[in-house]
Amino acid sequence: MTRRAPIPETVTLRVPFRVVKRGGRKEIQLPEGAAQPRRTDSTLVKALARAFRWKRLLESGEFITIGELARREGIAPSYMTRVLRLTLLAPDIVEAILDGKQGPEVLLARLLQPFPVEWRQQHGL
C-alpha cells in the first residue's frame, strides 16, 4: 500500500472567460480550444422559422404581395423583406444555426444586412 497525499478542504479552479453581449443578452465566451456546449440562438432560429413560413405563404398564393402579408402580421414590409432574405442562406449555414454551431459573428442584425446570394460567397458572413 502507498500513502496518498491528504485531500485539501478547498480547491480553487481558475477558468479564463469574457462576458460579451450577443443579440442583446450577455454570454460567457470561453478561450480558444475550450470545449463549448452547443447553444442555439433562439432569436436567429425564430427569424428563420418566420422567414420560411412567410415564403411558404407567399408561394402558396395565400398572400399575393409582401405588403398584404406584412399588414396581416402587423409588421413593416421593409422588415419582412429583410427577414425573407434569410431564406436565401446556404443550407449548411441554416443547419449550423439550427444546431447551434454557427460562429459568434453570426448575429441576426448582421444577417439582416445585404449579403451575397451565391452560397459559396456567404461563408464569410
N, C-alpha and C. Protein backbone atom coordinates (compact mmCIF):
# COMPACT_ATOMS: atom_id res chain seq x y z
N MET A 1 0.82 -1.20 0.00
CA MET A 1 0.00 0.00 0.00
C MET A 1 0.86 1.26 0.00
N THR A 2 0.39 2.26 -0.73
CA THR A 2 1.13 3.53 -0.76
C THR A 2 0.33 4.58 -0.02
N ARG A 3 1.05 5.54 0.52
CA ARG A 3 0.37 6.64 1.21
C ARG A 3 -0.03 7.71 0.20
N ARG A 4 -1.20 8.16 0.32
CA ARG A 4 -1.67 9.23 -0.57
C ARG A 4 -1.57 10.56 0.14
N ALA A 5 -1.46 11.62 -0.68
CA ALA A 5 -1.43 12.98 -0.12
C ALA A 5 -2.81 13.30 0.44
N PRO A 6 -2.85 14.06 1.50
CA PRO A 6 -4.16 14.41 2.07
C PRO A 6 -4.99 15.22 1.07
N ILE A 7 -6.28 15.03 1.11
CA ILE A 7 -7.20 15.75 0.23
C ILE A 7 -7.44 17.13 0.83
N PRO A 8 -7.19 18.20 0.04
CA PRO A 8 -7.41 19.55 0.58
C PRO A 8 -8.90 19.81 0.79
N GLU A 9 -9.19 20.70 1.73
CA GLU A 9 -10.59 21.03 2.02
C GLU A 9 -11.20 21.90 0.93
N THR A 10 -10.39 22.76 0.35
CA THR A 10 -10.89 23.61 -0.75
C THR A 10 -9.94 23.51 -1.94
N VAL A 11 -10.53 23.61 -3.09
CA VAL A 11 -9.76 23.60 -4.33
C VAL A 11 -10.19 24.83 -5.12
N THR A 12 -9.23 25.57 -5.61
CA THR A 12 -9.53 26.75 -6.42
C THR A 12 -9.24 26.42 -7.87
N LEU A 13 -10.20 26.65 -8.69
CA LEU A 13 -10.07 26.41 -10.12
C LEU A 13 -10.28 27.73 -10.85
N ARG A 14 -9.34 28.12 -11.67
CA ARG A 14 -9.45 29.38 -12.41
C ARG A 14 -9.69 29.06 -13.89
N VAL A 15 -10.74 29.64 -14.42
CA VAL A 15 -11.07 29.47 -15.83
C VAL A 15 -11.18 30.85 -16.45
N PRO A 16 -10.31 31.14 -17.42
CA PRO A 16 -10.40 32.46 -18.06
C PRO A 16 -11.63 32.52 -18.99
N PHE A 17 -12.37 33.62 -18.92
CA PHE A 17 -13.51 33.81 -19.81
C PHE A 17 -13.79 35.30 -19.93
N ARG A 18 -14.61 35.62 -20.92
CA ARG A 18 -15.05 37.00 -21.13
C ARG A 18 -16.56 37.01 -21.18
N VAL A 19 -17.15 38.09 -20.74
CA VAL A 19 -18.60 38.28 -20.88
C VAL A 19 -18.79 39.23 -22.06
N VAL A 20 -19.53 38.77 -23.07
CA VAL A 20 -19.77 39.58 -24.26
C VAL A 20 -21.27 39.72 -24.48
N LYS A 21 -21.65 40.82 -25.12
CA LYS A 21 -23.06 40.99 -25.48
C LYS A 21 -23.28 40.35 -26.83
N ARG A 22 -24.33 39.55 -26.93
CA ARG A 22 -24.65 38.87 -28.19
C ARG A 22 -26.15 38.89 -28.36
N GLY A 23 -26.59 39.58 -29.39
CA GLY A 23 -28.02 39.63 -29.66
C GLY A 23 -28.81 40.27 -28.53
N GLY A 24 -28.21 41.24 -27.82
CA GLY A 24 -28.92 41.93 -26.77
C GLY A 24 -28.85 41.25 -25.41
N ARG A 25 -28.14 40.13 -25.31
CA ARG A 25 -28.02 39.47 -24.00
C ARG A 25 -26.55 39.16 -23.74
N LYS A 26 -26.22 38.95 -22.49
CA LYS A 26 -24.84 38.67 -22.13
C LYS A 26 -24.56 37.18 -22.22
N GLU A 27 -23.35 36.87 -22.68
CA GLU A 27 -22.96 35.47 -22.86
C GLU A 27 -21.52 35.30 -22.43
N ILE A 28 -21.21 34.16 -21.85
CA ILE A 28 -19.84 33.86 -21.46
C ILE A 28 -19.11 33.30 -22.66
N GLN A 29 -17.94 33.84 -22.93
CA GLN A 29 -17.12 33.38 -24.04
C GLN A 29 -15.85 32.75 -23.46
N LEU A 30 -15.68 31.44 -23.71
CA LEU A 30 -14.53 30.71 -23.20
C LEU A 30 -13.34 30.89 -24.13
N PRO A 31 -12.12 30.63 -23.64
CA PRO A 31 -10.95 30.80 -24.51
C PRO A 31 -10.92 29.78 -25.62
N GLU A 32 -10.10 30.06 -26.65
CA GLU A 32 -9.95 29.15 -27.79
C GLU A 32 -9.55 27.76 -27.30
N GLY A 33 -10.12 26.75 -27.91
CA GLY A 33 -9.78 25.37 -27.58
C GLY A 33 -10.59 24.78 -26.45
N ALA A 34 -11.30 25.59 -25.70
CA ALA A 34 -12.13 25.07 -24.61
C ALA A 34 -13.38 24.44 -25.20
N ALA A 35 -13.77 23.31 -24.63
CA ALA A 35 -15.00 22.65 -25.11
C ALA A 35 -16.19 23.52 -24.76
N GLN A 36 -16.99 23.83 -25.76
CA GLN A 36 -18.14 24.69 -25.53
C GLN A 36 -19.40 23.95 -25.91
N PRO A 37 -20.40 24.00 -25.04
CA PRO A 37 -21.66 23.32 -25.38
C PRO A 37 -22.36 24.06 -26.52
N ARG A 38 -23.13 23.31 -27.28
CA ARG A 38 -23.92 23.94 -28.34
C ARG A 38 -25.02 24.77 -27.71
N ARG A 39 -25.21 25.94 -28.25
CA ARG A 39 -26.27 26.80 -27.75
C ARG A 39 -26.94 27.47 -28.93
N THR A 40 -28.18 27.09 -29.18
CA THR A 40 -28.88 27.69 -30.31
C THR A 40 -29.27 29.12 -29.95
N ASP A 41 -29.19 29.96 -30.93
CA ASP A 41 -29.59 31.36 -30.78
C ASP A 41 -31.07 31.42 -31.12
N SER A 42 -31.90 31.50 -30.11
CA SER A 42 -33.35 31.44 -30.33
C SER A 42 -33.86 32.58 -31.20
N THR A 43 -33.19 33.72 -31.15
CA THR A 43 -33.60 34.85 -31.99
C THR A 43 -33.39 34.52 -33.46
N LEU A 44 -32.23 33.92 -33.77
CA LEU A 44 -31.95 33.53 -35.16
C LEU A 44 -32.88 32.42 -35.62
N VAL A 45 -33.11 31.43 -34.76
CA VAL A 45 -33.98 30.31 -35.13
C VAL A 45 -35.39 30.80 -35.39
N LYS A 46 -35.87 31.69 -34.54
CA LYS A 46 -37.22 32.24 -34.71
C LYS A 46 -37.33 33.05 -36.00
N ALA A 47 -36.29 33.81 -36.32
CA ALA A 47 -36.31 34.61 -37.56
C ALA A 47 -36.30 33.69 -38.78
N LEU A 48 -35.51 32.62 -38.73
CA LEU A 48 -35.51 31.65 -39.84
C LEU A 48 -36.88 31.01 -40.01
N ALA A 49 -37.49 30.62 -38.91
CA ALA A 49 -38.81 29.98 -38.97
C ALA A 49 -39.83 30.94 -39.59
N ARG A 50 -39.80 32.19 -39.14
CA ARG A 50 -40.72 33.18 -39.71
C ARG A 50 -40.48 33.36 -41.20
N ALA A 51 -39.21 33.47 -41.58
CA ALA A 51 -38.88 33.69 -42.99
C ALA A 51 -39.41 32.57 -43.87
N PHE A 52 -39.16 31.33 -43.47
CA PHE A 52 -39.61 30.20 -44.29
C PHE A 52 -41.13 30.06 -44.27
N ARG A 53 -41.76 30.41 -43.16
CA ARG A 53 -43.23 30.39 -43.10
C ARG A 53 -43.81 31.44 -44.04
N TRP A 54 -43.27 32.65 -44.00
CA TRP A 54 -43.74 33.72 -44.88
C TRP A 54 -43.51 33.35 -46.34
N LYS A 55 -42.38 32.78 -46.64
CA LYS A 55 -42.10 32.37 -48.02
C LYS A 55 -43.14 31.35 -48.48
N ARG A 56 -43.45 30.39 -47.62
CA ARG A 56 -44.46 29.38 -47.97
C ARG A 56 -45.82 30.01 -48.21
N LEU A 57 -46.20 30.99 -47.38
CA LEU A 57 -47.49 31.67 -47.55
C LEU A 57 -47.54 32.45 -48.86
N LEU A 58 -46.43 33.07 -49.22
CA LEU A 58 -46.39 33.82 -50.49
C LEU A 58 -46.39 32.88 -51.70
N GLU A 59 -45.61 31.82 -51.61
CA GLU A 59 -45.54 30.89 -52.74
C GLU A 59 -46.83 30.10 -52.95
N SER A 60 -47.57 29.89 -51.88
CA SER A 60 -48.82 29.14 -52.00
C SER A 60 -49.93 29.98 -52.62
N GLY A 61 -49.73 31.29 -52.67
CA GLY A 61 -50.75 32.17 -53.23
C GLY A 61 -51.75 32.65 -52.19
N GLU A 62 -51.55 32.24 -50.94
CA GLU A 62 -52.45 32.68 -49.86
C GLU A 62 -52.38 34.20 -49.71
N PHE A 63 -51.19 34.76 -49.95
CA PHE A 63 -51.00 36.20 -49.97
C PHE A 63 -50.31 36.54 -51.27
N ILE A 64 -50.79 37.59 -51.92
CA ILE A 64 -50.26 37.96 -53.24
C ILE A 64 -49.00 38.81 -53.12
N THR A 65 -48.97 39.72 -52.14
CA THR A 65 -47.82 40.63 -52.02
C THR A 65 -47.25 40.58 -50.60
N ILE A 66 -46.01 41.03 -50.50
CA ILE A 66 -45.37 41.13 -49.19
C ILE A 66 -46.12 42.16 -48.33
N GLY A 67 -46.56 43.24 -48.96
CA GLY A 67 -47.30 44.27 -48.23
C GLY A 67 -48.57 43.72 -47.59
N GLU A 68 -49.29 42.89 -48.32
CA GLU A 68 -50.52 42.27 -47.80
C GLU A 68 -50.20 41.36 -46.60
N LEU A 69 -49.18 40.56 -46.73
CA LEU A 69 -48.78 39.66 -45.65
C LEU A 69 -48.26 40.45 -44.44
N ALA A 70 -47.51 41.50 -44.70
CA ALA A 70 -46.97 42.34 -43.62
C ALA A 70 -48.10 42.99 -42.84
N ARG A 71 -49.15 43.46 -43.54
CA ARG A 71 -50.30 44.05 -42.84
C ARG A 71 -50.95 43.02 -41.92
N ARG A 72 -51.11 41.81 -42.42
CA ARG A 72 -51.72 40.76 -41.60
C ARG A 72 -50.87 40.43 -40.38
N GLU A 73 -49.54 40.41 -40.55
CA GLU A 73 -48.63 40.09 -39.45
C GLU A 73 -48.41 41.28 -38.53
N GLY A 74 -48.80 42.46 -38.98
CA GLY A 74 -48.64 43.66 -38.14
C GLY A 74 -47.20 44.16 -38.05
N ILE A 75 -46.45 43.98 -39.14
CA ILE A 75 -45.07 44.45 -39.17
C ILE A 75 -44.84 45.25 -40.44
N ALA A 76 -43.74 45.97 -40.47
CA ALA A 76 -43.40 46.80 -41.64
C ALA A 76 -42.96 45.91 -42.80
N PRO A 77 -43.43 46.21 -44.01
CA PRO A 77 -43.00 45.44 -45.19
C PRO A 77 -41.48 45.43 -45.37
N SER A 78 -40.81 46.53 -45.05
CA SER A 78 -39.35 46.58 -45.22
C SER A 78 -38.66 45.58 -44.28
N TYR A 79 -39.16 45.44 -43.07
CA TYR A 79 -38.59 44.45 -42.14
C TYR A 79 -38.86 43.04 -42.66
N MET A 80 -40.06 42.82 -43.17
CA MET A 80 -40.40 41.50 -43.69
C MET A 80 -39.48 41.12 -44.85
N THR A 81 -39.18 42.05 -45.73
CA THR A 81 -38.30 41.72 -46.86
C THR A 81 -36.90 41.37 -46.37
N ARG A 82 -36.42 42.06 -45.33
CA ARG A 82 -35.09 41.75 -44.80
C ARG A 82 -35.08 40.35 -44.17
N VAL A 83 -36.14 40.00 -43.45
CA VAL A 83 -36.21 38.67 -42.83
C VAL A 83 -36.38 37.60 -43.91
N LEU A 84 -37.18 37.88 -44.93
CA LEU A 84 -37.37 36.92 -46.02
C LEU A 84 -36.06 36.57 -46.73
N ARG A 85 -35.10 37.50 -46.72
CA ARG A 85 -33.80 37.23 -47.34
C ARG A 85 -33.09 36.05 -46.68
N LEU A 86 -33.45 35.74 -45.43
CA LEU A 86 -32.82 34.62 -44.72
C LEU A 86 -33.08 33.29 -45.43
N THR A 87 -34.15 33.24 -46.24
CA THR A 87 -34.42 32.00 -46.98
C THR A 87 -33.41 31.77 -48.09
N LEU A 88 -32.58 32.78 -48.38
CA LEU A 88 -31.54 32.66 -49.41
C LEU A 88 -30.20 32.19 -48.84
N LEU A 89 -30.14 31.96 -47.53
CA LEU A 89 -28.90 31.48 -46.92
C LEU A 89 -28.58 30.07 -47.39
N ALA A 90 -27.30 29.77 -47.48
CA ALA A 90 -26.85 28.43 -47.85
C ALA A 90 -27.40 27.41 -46.85
N PRO A 91 -27.81 26.24 -47.33
CA PRO A 91 -28.37 25.22 -46.43
C PRO A 91 -27.46 24.85 -45.27
N ASP A 92 -26.15 24.81 -45.49
CA ASP A 92 -25.26 24.45 -44.39
C ASP A 92 -25.19 25.54 -43.33
N ILE A 93 -25.39 26.80 -43.71
CA ILE A 93 -25.43 27.89 -42.74
C ILE A 93 -26.71 27.79 -41.92
N VAL A 94 -27.83 27.52 -42.59
CA VAL A 94 -29.11 27.35 -41.88
C VAL A 94 -29.00 26.19 -40.90
N GLU A 95 -28.42 25.09 -41.35
CA GLU A 95 -28.27 23.92 -40.49
C GLU A 95 -27.39 24.22 -39.28
N ALA A 96 -26.30 24.95 -39.50
CA ALA A 96 -25.41 25.33 -38.40
C ALA A 96 -26.15 26.19 -37.37
N ILE A 97 -26.99 27.11 -37.84
CA ILE A 97 -27.77 27.96 -36.94
C ILE A 97 -28.74 27.10 -36.13
N LEU A 98 -29.43 26.19 -36.79
CA LEU A 98 -30.40 25.34 -36.10
C LEU A 98 -29.73 24.40 -35.11
N ASP A 99 -28.49 23.99 -35.39
CA ASP A 99 -27.75 23.10 -34.48
C ASP A 99 -26.97 23.85 -33.42
N GLY A 100 -26.96 25.18 -33.49
CA GLY A 100 -26.20 25.98 -32.54
C GLY A 100 -24.71 25.95 -32.80
N LYS A 101 -24.31 25.65 -34.03
CA LYS A 101 -22.89 25.54 -34.38
C LYS A 101 -22.38 26.76 -35.14
N GLN A 102 -23.21 27.77 -35.32
CA GLN A 102 -22.76 28.95 -36.04
C GLN A 102 -21.72 29.70 -35.20
N GLY A 103 -20.87 30.44 -35.87
CA GLY A 103 -19.85 31.20 -35.17
C GLY A 103 -20.44 32.37 -34.40
N PRO A 104 -19.67 32.91 -33.48
CA PRO A 104 -20.16 34.03 -32.66
C PRO A 104 -20.45 35.28 -33.47
N GLU A 105 -19.90 35.37 -34.69
CA GLU A 105 -20.12 36.55 -35.53
C GLU A 105 -21.45 36.49 -36.28
N VAL A 106 -22.12 35.34 -36.25
CA VAL A 106 -23.39 35.18 -36.97
C VAL A 106 -24.52 35.66 -36.05
N LEU A 107 -24.93 36.88 -36.26
CA LEU A 107 -25.99 37.50 -35.47
C LEU A 107 -27.12 37.93 -36.40
N LEU A 108 -28.33 37.99 -35.87
CA LEU A 108 -29.48 38.38 -36.69
C LEU A 108 -29.26 39.75 -37.31
N ALA A 109 -28.78 40.70 -36.53
CA ALA A 109 -28.58 42.06 -37.05
C ALA A 109 -27.64 42.03 -38.26
N ARG A 110 -26.64 41.18 -38.21
CA ARG A 110 -25.69 41.09 -39.33
C ARG A 110 -26.34 40.40 -40.53
N LEU A 111 -27.16 39.37 -40.28
CA LEU A 111 -27.81 38.66 -41.38
C LEU A 111 -28.93 39.46 -42.03
N LEU A 112 -29.44 40.47 -41.34
CA LEU A 112 -30.48 41.30 -41.94
C LEU A 112 -29.89 42.35 -42.88
N GLN A 113 -28.56 42.47 -42.87
CA GLN A 113 -27.88 43.35 -43.83
C GLN A 113 -27.76 42.59 -45.16
N PRO A 114 -27.65 43.30 -46.27
CA PRO A 114 -27.49 42.61 -47.56
C PRO A 114 -26.29 41.66 -47.53
N PHE A 115 -26.49 40.49 -48.11
CA PHE A 115 -25.41 39.50 -48.22
C PHE A 115 -25.46 38.87 -49.60
N PRO A 116 -24.37 38.23 -50.04
CA PRO A 116 -24.34 37.63 -51.38
C PRO A 116 -25.38 36.52 -51.51
N VAL A 117 -25.97 36.41 -52.68
CA VAL A 117 -26.97 35.38 -52.93
C VAL A 117 -26.29 34.03 -53.19
N GLU A 118 -25.08 34.07 -53.78
CA GLU A 118 -24.38 32.82 -54.07
C GLU A 118 -23.88 32.20 -52.78
N TRP A 119 -24.21 30.93 -52.59
CA TRP A 119 -23.90 30.23 -51.35
C TRP A 119 -22.41 30.20 -51.04
N ARG A 120 -21.56 30.01 -52.03
CA ARG A 120 -20.12 29.93 -51.79
C ARG A 120 -19.58 31.24 -51.21
N GLN A 121 -20.18 32.35 -51.59
CA GLN A 121 -19.72 33.65 -51.11
C GLN A 121 -20.24 34.00 -49.73
N GLN A 122 -21.21 33.24 -49.22
CA GLN A 122 -21.82 33.56 -47.93
C GLN A 122 -21.00 33.10 -46.74
N HIS A 123 -20.02 32.27 -46.94
CA HIS A 123 -19.32 31.67 -45.81
C HIS A 123 -18.44 32.64 -45.06
N GLY A 124 -18.32 33.86 -45.52
CA GLY A 124 -17.60 34.89 -44.78
C GLY A 124 -18.50 35.73 -43.90
N LEU A 125 -19.79 35.36 -43.84
CA LEU A 125 -20.74 36.18 -43.07
C LEU A 125 -20.38 36.21 -41.62
